[in-house]
Amino acid sequence: MDRMIMLAGNISALLGVLLCIVAGLARVAGFHVASGFATMTLFQVGTALLVLACLCKLQSLLVRSR
């Protein structure tokens, strides 16, 4: 179970960082809509994925300390 949580944390962190970078670059380039979504919405989803990654990492650290 710990490995699955760690894997979910790693995947969500990678996707979150990539999504934030893409949304930020699109916004700087002047595009307010990317792939049919507002760039601020994509940035918020990327931030939510990063928060999920932090929570997964925290959970795996708590399980490991027991």
PDB file of N, CA and C in Angstrom:
ATOM      1  N   MET A   1       0.827  -1.196   0.000  1.00  0.00           N
ATOM      2  CA  MET A   1       0.000   0.000   0.000  1.00  0.00           C
ATOM      3  C   MET A   1       0.867   1.253   0.000  1.00  0.00           C
ATOM      4  N   ASP A   2       1.971   1.195   0.755  1.00  0.00           N
ATOM      5  CA  ASP A   2       2.866   2.348   0.826  1.00  0.00           C
ATOM      6  C   ASP A   2       3.476   2.650  -0.538  1.00  0.00           C
ATOM      7  N   ARG A   3       3.804   1.603  -1.278  1.00  0.00           N
ATOM      8  CA  ARG A   3       4.391   1.822  -2.609  1.00  0.00           C
ATOM      9  C   ARG A   3       3.379   2.433  -3.570  1.00  0.00           C
ATOM     10  N   MET A   4       2.110   2.054  -3.437  1.00  0.00           N
ATOM     11  CA  MET A   4       1.077   2.631  -4.302  1.00  0.00           C
ATOM     12  C   MET A   4       0.872   4.109  -3.996  1.00  0.00           C
ATOM     13  N   ILE A   5       0.891   4.464  -2.716  1.00  0.00           N
ATOM     14  CA  ILE A   5       0.741   5.873  -2.329  1.00  0.00           C
ATOM     15  C   ILE A   5       1.948   6.674  -2.806  1.00  0.00           C
ATOM     16  N   MET A   6       3.145   6.082  -2.690  1.00  0.00           N
ATOM     17  CA  MET A   6       4.350   6.756  -3.151  1.00  0.00           C
ATOM     18  C   MET A   6       4.317   6.943  -4.673  1.00  0.00           C
ATOM     19  N   LEU A   7       3.852   5.948  -5.386  1.00  0.00           N
ATOM     20  CA  LEU A   7       3.740   6.046  -6.841  1.00  0.00           C
ATOM     21  C   LEU A   7       2.705   7.097  -7.236  1.00  0.00           C
ATOM     22  N   ALA A   8       1.580   7.129  -6.541  1.00  0.00           N
ATOM     23  CA  ALA A   8       0.556   8.140  -6.818  1.00  0.00           C
ATOM     24  C   ALA A   8       1.098   9.540  -6.554  1.00  0.00           C
ATOM     25  N   GLY A   9       1.900   9.688  -5.512  1.00  0.00           N
ATOM     26  CA  GLY A   9       2.513  10.975  -5.212  1.00  0.00           C
ATOM     27  C   GLY A   9       3.488  11.410  -6.284  1.00  0.00           C
ATOM     28  N   ASN A  10       4.303  10.477  -6.754  1.00  0.00           N
ATOM     29  CA  ASN A  10       5.276  10.806  -7.796  1.00  0.00           C
ATOM     30  C   ASN A  10       4.600  11.176  -9.112  1.00  0.00           C
ATOM     31  N   ILE A  11       3.578  10.421  -9.482  1.00  0.00           N
ATOM     32  CA  ILE A  11       2.883  10.692 -10.746  1.00  0.00           C
ATOM     33  C   ILE A  11       2.130  12.016 -10.679  1.00  0.00           C
ATOM     34  N   SER A  12       1.443  12.248  -9.576  1.00  0.00           N
ATOM     35  CA  SER A  12       0.698  13.504  -9.466  1.00  0.00           C
ATOM     36  C   SER A  12       1.637  14.704  -9.388  1.00  0.00           C
ATOM     37  N   ALA A  13       2.797  14.541  -8.782  1.00  0.00           N
ATOM     38  CA  ALA A  13       3.772  15.637  -8.737  1.00  0.00           C
ATOM     39  C   ALA A  13       4.280  15.956 -10.131  1.00  0.00           C
ATOM     40  N   LEU A  14       4.591  14.938 -10.888  1.00  0.00           N
ATOM     41  CA  LEU A  14       5.087  15.147 -12.251  1.00  0.00           C
ATOM     42  C   LEU A  14       4.034  15.811 -13.127  1.00  0.00           C
ATOM     43  N   LEU A  15       2.809  15.304 -13.052  1.00  0.00           N
ATOM     44  CA  LEU A  15       1.728  15.902 -13.844  1.00  0.00           C
ATOM     45  C   LEU A  15       1.418  17.329 -13.396  1.00  0.00           C
ATOM     46  N   GLY A  16       1.459  17.569 -12.098  1.00  0.00           N
ATOM     47  CA  GLY A  16       1.179  18.905 -11.576  1.00  0.00           C
ATOM     48  C   GLY A  16       2.198  19.929 -12.029  1.00  0.00           C
ATOM     49  N   VAL A  17       3.471  19.553 -11.960  1.00  0.00           N
ATOM     50  CA  VAL A  17       4.526  20.473 -12.398  1.00  0.00           C
ATOM     51  C   VAL A  17       4.407  20.752 -13.891  1.00  0.00           C
ATOM     52  N   LEU A  18       4.197  19.700 -14.678  1.00  0.00           N
ATOM     53  CA  LEU A  18       4.067  19.893 -16.124  1.00  0.00           C
ATOM     54  C   LEU A  18       2.864  20.759 -16.477  1.00  0.00           C
ATOM     55  N   LEU A  19       1.763  20.532 -15.806  1.00  0.00           N
ATOM     56  CA  LEU A  19       0.557  21.304 -16.092  1.00  0.00           C
ATOM     57  C   LEU A  19       0.725  22.769 -15.699  1.00  0.00           C
ATOM     58  N   CYS A  20       1.376  23.011 -14.582  1.00  0.00           N
ATOM     59  CA  CYS A  20       1.633  24.402 -14.167  1.00  0.00           C
ATOM     60  C   CYS A  20       2.561  25.106 -15.141  1.00  0.00           C
ATOM     61  N   ILE A  21       3.578  24.402 -15.616  1.00  0.00           N
ATOM     62  CA  ILE A  21       4.502  24.997 -16.582  1.00  0.00           C
ATOM     63  C   ILE A  21       3.797  25.312 -17.890  1.00  0.00           C
ATOM     64  N   VAL A  22       3.005  24.368 -18.391  1.00  0.00           N
ATOM     65  CA  VAL A  22       2.278  24.590 -19.651  1.00  0.00           C
ATOM     66  C   VAL A  22       1.296  25.739 -19.508  1.00  0.00           C
ATOM     67  N   ALA A  23       0.561  25.777 -18.407  1.00  0.00           N
ATOM     68  CA  ALA A  23      -0.417  26.853 -18.200  1.00  0.00           C
ATOM     69  C   ALA A  23       0.279  28.201 -18.058  1.00  0.00           C
ATOM     70  N   GLY A  24       1.402  28.231 -17.359  1.00  0.00           N
ATOM     71  CA  GLY A  24       2.139  29.478 -17.197  1.00  0.00           C
ATOM     72  C   GLY A  24       2.711  29.984 -18.506  1.00  0.00           C
ATOM     73  N   LEU A  25       3.287  29.084 -19.299  1.00  0.00           N
ATOM     74  CA  LEU A  25       3.841  29.486 -20.593  1.00  0.00           C
ATOM     75  C   LEU A  25       2.750  29.945 -21.556  1.00  0.00           C
ATOM     76  N   ALA A  26       1.615  29.272 -21.530  1.00  0.00           N
ATOM     77  CA  ALA A  26       0.503  29.681 -22.397  1.00  0.00           C
ATOM     78  C   ALA A  26      -0.006  31.061 -22.003  1.00  0.00           C
ATOM     79  N   ARG A  27      -0.062  31.303 -20.715  1.00  0.00           N
ATOM     80  CA  ARG A  27      -0.543  32.609 -20.240  1.00  0.00           C
ATOM     81  C   ARG A  27       0.442  33.723 -20.603  1.00  0.00           C
ATOM     82  N   VAL A  28       1.729  33.454 -20.449  1.00  0.00           N
ATOM     83  CA  VAL A  28       2.746  34.443 -20.798  1.00  0.00           C
ATOM     84  C   VAL A  28       2.754  34.714 -22.302  1.00  0.00           C
ATOM     85  N   ALA A  29       2.476  33.678 -23.097  1.00  0.00           N
ATOM     86  CA  ALA A  29       2.440  33.833 -24.550  1.00  0.00           C
ATOM     87  C   ALA A  29       1.187  34.563 -25.021  1.00  0.00           C
ATOM     88  N   GLY A  30       0.236  34.802 -24.128  1.00  0.00           N
ATOM     89  CA  GLY A  30      -0.946  35.563 -24.485  1.00  0.00           C
ATOM     90  C   GLY A  30      -2.179  34.732 -24.765  1.00  0.00           C
ATOM     91  N   PHE A  31      -2.077  33.442 -24.569  1.00  0.00           N
ATOM     92  CA  PHE A  31      -3.237  32.578 -24.782  1.00  0.00           C
ATOM     93  C   PHE A  31      -4.028  32.480 -23.482  1.00  0.00           C
ATOM     94  N   HIS A  32      -5.283  32.841 -23.528  1.00  0.00           N
ATOM     95  CA  HIS A  32      -6.124  32.754 -22.335  1.00  0.00           C
ATOM     96  C   HIS A  32      -6.885  31.441 -22.291  1.00  0.00           C
ATOM     97  N   VAL A  33      -6.900  30.719 -23.423  1.00  0.00           N
ATOM     98  CA  VAL A  33      -7.563  29.423 -23.503  1.00  0.00           C
ATOM     99  C   VAL A  33      -6.587  28.430 -24.121  1.00  0.00           C
ATOM    100  N   ALA A  34      -6.393  27.289 -23.476  1.00  0.00           N
ATOM    101  CA  ALA A  34      -5.530  26.232 -23.991  1.00  0.00           C
ATOM    102  C   ALA A  34      -6.281  24.913 -23.900  1.00  0.00           C
ATOM    103  N   SER A  35      -6.396  24.225 -25.011  1.00  0.00           N
ATOM    104  CA  SER A  35      -7.103  22.937 -25.083  1.00  0.00           C
ATOM    105  C   SER A  35      -8.550  23.040 -24.618  1.00  0.00           C
ATOM    106  N   GLY A  36      -9.174  24.174 -24.850  1.00  0.00           N
ATOM    107  CA  GLY A  36     -10.570  24.351 -24.494  1.00  0.00           C
ATOM    108  C   GLY A  36     -10.801  24.752 -23.047  1.00  0.00           C
ATOM    109  N   PHE A  37      -9.741  24.891 -22.277  1.00  0.00           N
ATOM    110  CA  PHE A  37      -9.854  25.281 -20.874  1.00  0.00           C
ATOM    111  C   PHE A  37      -9.142  26.608 -20.662  1.00  0.00           C
ATOM    112  N   ALA A  38      -9.642  27.400 -19.724  1.00  0.00           N
ATOM    113  CA  ALA A  38      -8.954  28.636 -19.367  1.00  0.00           C
ATOM    114  C   ALA A  38      -7.614  28.281 -18.730  1.00  0.00           C
ATOM    115  N   THR A  39      -6.594  29.071 -19.025  1.00  0.00           N
ATOM    116  CA  THR A  39      -5.261  28.748 -18.512  1.00  0.00           C
ATOM    117  C   THR A  39      -5.209  28.830 -16.989  1.00  0.00           C
ATOM    118  N   MET A  40      -5.994  29.703 -16.397  1.00  0.00           N
ATOM    119  CA  MET A  40      -6.016  29.770 -14.934  1.00  0.00           C
ATOM    120  C   MET A  40      -6.627  28.503 -14.334  1.00  0.00           C
ATOM    121  N   THR A  41      -7.588  27.908 -15.026  1.00  0.00           N
ATOM    122  CA  THR A  41      -8.167  26.644 -14.564  1.00  0.00           C
ATOM    123  C   THR A  41      -7.126  25.539 -14.627  1.00  0.00           C
ATOM    124  N   LEU A  42      -6.348  25.503 -15.703  1.00  0.00           N
ATOM    125  CA  LEU A  42      -5.287  24.500 -15.811  1.00  0.00           C
ATOM    126  C   LEU A  42      -4.236  24.690 -14.725  1.00  0.00           C
ATOM    127  N   PHE A  43      -3.931  25.944 -14.413  1.00  0.00           N
ATOM    128  CA  PHE A  43      -2.967  26.215 -13.350  1.00  0.00           C
ATOM    129  C   PHE A  43      -3.504  25.753 -11.996  1.00  0.00           C
ATOM    130  N   GLN A  44      -4.788  25.955 -11.757  1.00  0.00           N
ATOM    131  CA  GLN A  44      -5.388  25.513 -10.495  1.00  0.00           C
ATOM    132  C   GLN A  44      -5.405  23.995 -10.386  1.00  0.00           C
ATOM    133  N   VAL A  45      -5.641  23.309 -11.497  1.00  0.00           N
ATOM    134  CA  VAL A  45      -5.606  21.843 -11.487  1.00  0.00           C
ATOM    135  C   VAL A  45      -4.183  21.362 -11.224  1.00  0.00           C
ATOM    136  N   GLY A  46      -3.202  22.029 -11.814  1.00  0.00           N
ATOM    137  CA  GLY A  46      -1.810  21.679 -11.552  1.00  0.00           C
ATOM    138  C   GLY A  46      -1.445  21.883 -10.095  1.00  0.00           C
ATOM    139  N   THR A  47      -1.918  22.963  -9.510  1.00  0.00           N
ATOM    140  CA  THR A  47      -1.665  23.226  -8.094  1.00  0.00           C
ATOM    141  C   THR A  47      -2.343  22.171  -7.219  1.00  0.00           C
ATOM    142  N   ALA A  48      -3.541  21.770  -7.579  1.00  0.00           N
ATOM    143  CA  ALA A  48      -4.246  20.724  -6.820  1.00  0.00           C
ATOM    144  C   ALA A  48      -3.487  19.396  -6.901  1.00  0.00           C
ATOM    145  N   LEU A  49      -2.918  19.092  -8.057  1.00  0.00           N
ATOM    146  CA  LEU A  49      -2.125  17.866  -8.181  1.00  0.00           C
ATOM    147  C   LEU A  49      -0.865  17.930  -7.317  1.00  0.00           C
ATOM    148  N   LEU A  50      -0.270  19.102  -7.220  1.00  0.00           N
ATOM    149  CA  LEU A  50       0.899  19.253  -6.353  1.00  0.00           C
ATOM    150  C   LEU A  50       0.536  19.096  -4.881  1.00  0.00           C
ATOM    151  N   VAL A  51      -0.619  19.588  -4.488  1.00  0.00           N
ATOM    152  CA  VAL A  51      -1.088  19.402  -3.110  1.00  0.00           C
ATOM    153  C   VAL A  51      -1.347  17.921  -2.840  1.00  0.00           C
ATOM    154  N   LEU A  52      -1.955  17.232  -3.806  1.00  0.00           N
ATOM    155  CA  LEU A  52      -2.179  15.794  -3.666  1.00  0.00           C
ATOM    156  C   LEU A  52      -0.853  15.056  -3.526  1.00  0.00           C
ATOM    157  N   ALA A  53       0.148  15.453  -4.286  1.00  0.00           N
ATOM    158  CA  ALA A  53       1.461  14.822  -4.189  1.00  0.00           C
ATOM    159  C   ALA A  53       2.062  15.031  -2.807  1.00  0.00           C
ATOM    160  N   CYS A  54       1.927  16.231  -2.272  1.00  0.00           N
ATOM    161  CA  CYS A  54       2.451  16.507  -0.924  1.00  0.00           C
ATOM    162  C   CYS A  54       1.749  15.654   0.124  1.00  0.00           C
ATOM    163  N   LEU A  55       0.434  15.508  -0.001  1.00  0.00           N
ATOM    164  CA  LEU A  55      -0.308  14.687   0.965  1.00  0.00           C
ATOM    165  C   LEU A  55       0.074  13.217   0.859  1.00  0.00           C
ATOM    166  N   CYS A  56       0.293  12.732  -0.355  1.00  0.00           N
ATOM    167  CA  CYS A  56       0.718  11.333  -0.530  1.00  0.00           C
ATOM    168  C   CYS A  56       2.103  11.109   0.065  1.00  0.00           C
ATOM    169  N   LYS A  57       3.008  12.047  -0.163  1.00  0.00           N
ATOM    170  CA  LYS A  57       4.351  11.926   0.406  1.00  0.00           C
ATOM    171  C   LYS A  57       4.301  11.971   1.934  1.00  0.00           C
ATOM    172  N   LEU A  58       3.478  12.839   2.466  1.00  0.00           N
ATOM    173  CA  LEU A  58       3.338  12.926   3.922  1.00  0.00           C
ATOM    174  C   LEU A  58       2.792  11.624   4.495  1.00  0.00           C
ATOM    175  N   GLN A  59       1.801  11.055   3.838  1.00  0.00           N
ATOM    176  CA  GLN A  59       1.233   9.789   4.300  1.00  0.00           C
ATOM    177  C   GLN A  59       2.267   8.676   4.261  1.00  0.00           C
ATOM    178  N   SER A  60       3.067   8.630   3.208  1.00  0.00           N
ATOM    179  CA  SER A  60       4.083   7.579   3.135  1.00  0.00           C
ATOM    180  C   SER A  60       5.158   7.770   4.202  1.00  0.00           C
ATOM    181  N   LEU A  61       5.473   9.020   4.552  1.00  0.00           N
ATOM    182  CA  LEU A  61       6.421   9.265   5.629  1.00  0.00           C
ATOM    183  C   LEU A  61       5.853   8.849   6.976  1.00  0.00           C
ATOM    184  N   LEU A  62       4.566   9.093   7.194  1.00  0.00           N
ATOM    185  CA  LEU A  62       3.935   8.697   8.450  1.00  0.00           C
ATOM    186  C   LEU A  62       3.860   7.191   8.600  1.00  0.00           C
ATOM    187  N   VAL A  63       3.580   6.488   7.510  1.00  0.00           N
ATOM    188  CA  VAL A  63       3.491   5.032   7.571  1.00  0.00           C
ATOM    189  C   VAL A  63       4.882   4.438   7.816  1.00  0.00           C
ATOM    190  N   ARG A  64       5.896   5.039   7.213  1.00  0.00           N
ATOM    191  CA  ARG A  64       7.261   4.544   7.359  1.00  0.00           C
ATOM    192  C   ARG A  64       7.786   4.740   8.791  1.00  0.00           C
ATOM    193  N   SER A  65       7.329   5.751   9.483  1.00  0.00           N
ATOM    194  CA  SER A  65       7.843   6.033  10.831  1.00  0.00           C
ATOM    195  C   SER A  65       7.276   5.100  11.893  1.00  0.00           C
ATOM    196  N   ARG A  66       6.238   4.379  11.588  1.00  0.00           N
ATOM    197  CA  ARG A  66       5.620   3.471  12.572  1.00  0.00           C
ATOM    198  C   ARG A  66       6.358   2.191  12.722  1.00  0.00           C
TER     199      ARG A  66
END
